[in-house]
């Protein structure tokens, strides 16, 4: 039965610390040789296993990069498809299509806050977490929608989106 690296190391420590002093020097020398051999073999096995793990991590990183590229391609295809559907809706001056399976609706873009100069944002709209302060866009949006003027920020319309629902 093959021993673990931990067990081999523990037995070597016991041998060197003299835990089994009733053994003769010849028996101890033979045990040391056997344990040294086992340690060499196990160390090689551990190194080979580590190398295989490292190769697997490299493989996963390569595949991750490939998948990220494919994800971007598909996201671009989806975006082009949405533009196509929005053009079709605009040509017919419609806000929705109703098919047998789906209802496609052109949605009004939601507003979001664009911070174009963080240095001018009033302190009441700055969150101070560690390690650096953060602009609280939700609070700015609320103030802007109530008609307040927030220096350094404005409301901008987002991108028109398409909603797909199964009937």
Protein backbone atom coordinates (compact mmCIF):
# COMPACT_ATOMS: atom_id res chain seq x y z
CA UNK A 1 0.00 0.00 0.00
CA UNK A 2 1.30 3.40 -0.99
CA UNK A 3 1.84 5.89 1.81
CA UNK A 4 0.94 9.55 1.68
CA UNK A 5 3.61 12.23 1.73
CA UNK A 6 2.41 13.23 5.19
CA UNK A 7 2.84 9.69 6.59
CA UNK A 8 6.30 9.31 5.05
CA UNK A 9 7.38 12.66 6.48
CA UNK A 10 5.99 11.74 9.91
CA UNK A 11 7.82 8.38 9.93
CA UNK A 12 11.08 10.06 8.93
CA UNK A 13 10.64 12.61 11.72
CA UNK A 14 10.02 9.79 14.24
CA UNK A 15 13.09 7.94 12.96
CA UNK A 16 15.33 11.00 13.30
CA UNK A 17 13.94 11.95 16.69
CA UNK A 18 14.58 8.42 17.96
CA UNK A 19 10.99 7.49 18.87
CA UNK A 20 11.79 3.83 18.32
CA UNK A 21 15.11 3.58 20.16
CA UNK A 22 14.83 -0.17 20.67
CA UNK A 23 15.59 -0.71 16.95
CA UNK A 24 19.16 -1.54 15.99
CA UNK A 25 21.19 0.83 13.85
CA UNK A 26 20.96 -1.63 10.92
CA UNK A 27 17.15 -1.73 11.13
CA UNK A 28 17.04 2.08 11.40
CA UNK A 29 19.40 2.44 8.39
CA UNK A 30 17.26 0.05 6.35
CA UNK A 31 14.08 1.88 7.41
CA UNK A 32 15.72 5.20 6.49
CA UNK A 33 16.63 3.87 3.02
CA UNK A 34 13.09 2.59 2.46
CA UNK A 35 11.54 5.86 3.62
CA UNK A 36 13.97 7.92 1.53
CA UNK A 37 13.04 5.88 -1.53
CA UNK A 38 9.33 6.28 -0.78
CA UNK A 39 9.83 10.02 -0.24
CA UNK A 40 11.60 10.34 -3.62
CA UNK A 41 8.84 8.46 -5.43
CA UNK A 42 6.04 10.30 -3.67
CA UNK A 43 7.71 13.66 -4.30
CA UNK A 44 7.87 12.85 -8.02
CA UNK A 45 4.20 11.83 -7.99
CA UNK A 46 3.19 15.02 -6.19
CA UNK A 47 5.23 17.15 -8.62
CA UNK A 48 3.69 15.33 -11.63
CA UNK A 49 0.19 15.82 -10.20
CA UNK A 50 0.92 19.50 -9.57
CA UNK A 51 2.18 19.83 -13.15
CA UNK A 52 -1.02 18.24 -14.48
CA UNK A 53 -3.10 20.66 -12.39
CA UNK A 54 -1.07 23.58 -13.73
CA UNK A 55 -1.61 22.36 -17.31
CA UNK A 56 -5.34 22.04 -16.61
CA UNK A 57 -5.46 25.62 -15.26
CA UNK A 58 -3.68 26.81 -18.43
CA UNK A 59 -6.21 24.90 -20.53
CA UNK A 60 -9.12 26.42 -18.59
CA UNK A 61 -7.67 29.93 -18.98
CA UNK A 62 -7.31 29.38 -22.74
CA UNK A 63 -10.89 28.08 -23.00
CA UNK A 64 -12.14 30.98 -20.87
CA UNK A 65 -10.55 33.46 -23.30
CA UNK A 66 -12.10 31.61 -26.23
CA UNK A 67 -15.51 31.59 -24.55
CA UNK A 68 -15.30 35.28 -23.68
CA UNK A 69 -14.68 35.98 -27.36
CA UNK A 70 -17.65 33.86 -28.34
CA UNK A 71 -19.84 35.53 -25.73
CA UNK A 72 -18.97 38.93 -27.21
CA UNK A 73 -19.82 37.64 -30.71
CA UNK A 74 -23.23 36.40 -29.58
CA UNK A 75 -23.95 39.58 -27.64
CA UNK A 76 -23.19 41.57 -30.80
CA UNK A 77 -25.52 39.30 -32.81
CA UNK A 78 -28.28 39.85 -30.26
CA UNK A 79 -27.73 43.59 -30.41
CA UNK A 80 -27.89 43.58 -34.24
CA UNK A 81 -31.06 41.50 -34.11
CA UNK A 82 -32.64 43.96 -31.67
CA UNK A 83 -31.68 46.84 -33.97
CA UNK A 84 -33.28 44.98 -36.88
CA UNK A 85 -36.52 44.46 -34.91
CA UNK A 86 -36.53 48.11 -33.77
CA UNK A 87 -36.09 49.23 -37.41
CA UNK A 88 -38.99 47.02 -38.47
CA UNK A 89 -41.16 48.53 -35.72
CA UNK A 90 -40.11 52.08 -36.68
CA UNK A 91 -40.82 51.54 -40.39
CA UNK A 92 -44.39 50.53 -39.53
CA UNK A 93 -44.64 53.18 -36.81
CA UNK A 94 -45.56 50.47 -34.29
CA UNK A 95 -44.58 49.92 -30.69
CA UNK A 96 -45.19 46.17 -30.70
CA UNK A 97 -45.53 43.03 -32.81
CA UNK A 98 -47.73 40.14 -31.75
CA UNK A 99 -46.98 36.73 -33.21
CA UNK A 100 -48.27 33.27 -32.42
CA UNK A 101 -45.64 32.66 -29.75
CA UNK A 102 -44.14 36.02 -28.82
CA UNK A 103 -45.13 39.56 -28.24
CA UNK A 104 -42.28 41.95 -29.04
CA UNK A 105 -42.57 45.40 -27.48
CA UNK A 106 -40.47 48.50 -28.03
CA UNK A 107 -39.74 49.92 -24.60
CA UNK A 108 -39.05 53.54 -23.78
CA UNK A 109 -35.45 53.95 -22.64
CA UNK A 110 -34.94 54.36 -18.94
CA UNK A 111 -33.07 57.35 -17.64
CA UNK A 112 -29.72 56.99 -15.97
CA UNK A 113 -27.27 59.40 -14.45
CA UNK A 114 -24.13 60.31 -16.35
CA UNK A 115 -21.50 61.81 -14.08
CA UNK A 116 -19.28 63.90 -16.32
CA UNK A 117 -17.29 65.61 -13.54
CA UNK A 118 -17.05 63.83 -10.17
CA UNK A 119 -15.17 66.76 -8.66
CA UNK A 120 -18.28 68.97 -8.90
CA UNK A 121 -20.74 66.50 -7.31
CA UNK A 122 -22.00 67.90 -3.97
CA UNK A 123 -20.84 66.01 -0.90
CA UNK A 124 -24.38 64.82 0.02
CA UNK A 125 -24.28 62.66 -3.12
CA UNK A 126 -20.93 61.05 -2.27
CA UNK A 127 -20.73 57.75 -0.40
CA UNK A 128 -17.54 57.33 1.59
CA UNK A 129 -16.79 53.59 1.79
CA UNK A 130 -13.29 52.24 2.07
CA UNK A 131 -11.04 52.57 0.13
CA UNK A 132 -12.45 55.44 -2.02
CA UNK A 133 -15.61 57.56 -2.11
CA UNK A 134 -18.40 56.55 -4.50
CA UNK A 135 -20.94 58.74 -6.25
CA UNK A 136 -24.52 57.77 -5.26
CA UNK A 137 -26.19 57.85 -8.68
CA UNK A 138 -29.59 56.74 -7.36
CA UNK A 139 -29.72 59.73 -4.99
CA UNK A 140 -28.61 62.09 -7.77
CA UNK A 141 -31.28 60.69 -10.11
CA UNK A 142 -33.93 61.23 -7.43
CA UNK A 143 -32.83 64.83 -6.89
CA UNK A 144 -32.64 65.56 -10.62
CA UNK A 145 -36.11 64.08 -11.21
CA UNK A 146 -37.47 66.36 -8.46
CA UNK A 147 -36.11 69.33 -10.41
CA UNK A 148 -33.01 70.01 -8.31
CA UNK A 149 -29.85 71.11 -10.07
CA UNK A 150 -26.92 68.81 -9.24
CA UNK A 151 -23.71 70.33 -10.50
CA UNK A 152 -21.57 67.81 -12.36
CA UNK A 153 -24.41 65.43 -13.30
CA UNK A 154 -27.40 65.27 -15.63
CA UNK A 155 -30.12 62.81 -16.62
CA UNK A 156 -29.54 61.08 -19.94
CA UNK A 157 -31.77 58.67 -21.84
CA UNK A 158 -30.53 55.10 -22.05
CA UNK A 159 -30.60 52.86 -25.06
CA UNK A 160 -33.93 51.71 -26.47
CA UNK A 161 -34.43 48.04 -25.64
CA UNK A 162 -36.65 45.27 -26.86
CA UNK A 163 -38.69 43.06 -24.55
CA UNK A 164 -39.42 39.45 -25.59
CA UNK A 165 -42.23 37.61 -23.80
CA UNK A 166 -43.74 34.21 -24.32
CA UNK A 167 -47.50 34.58 -24.42
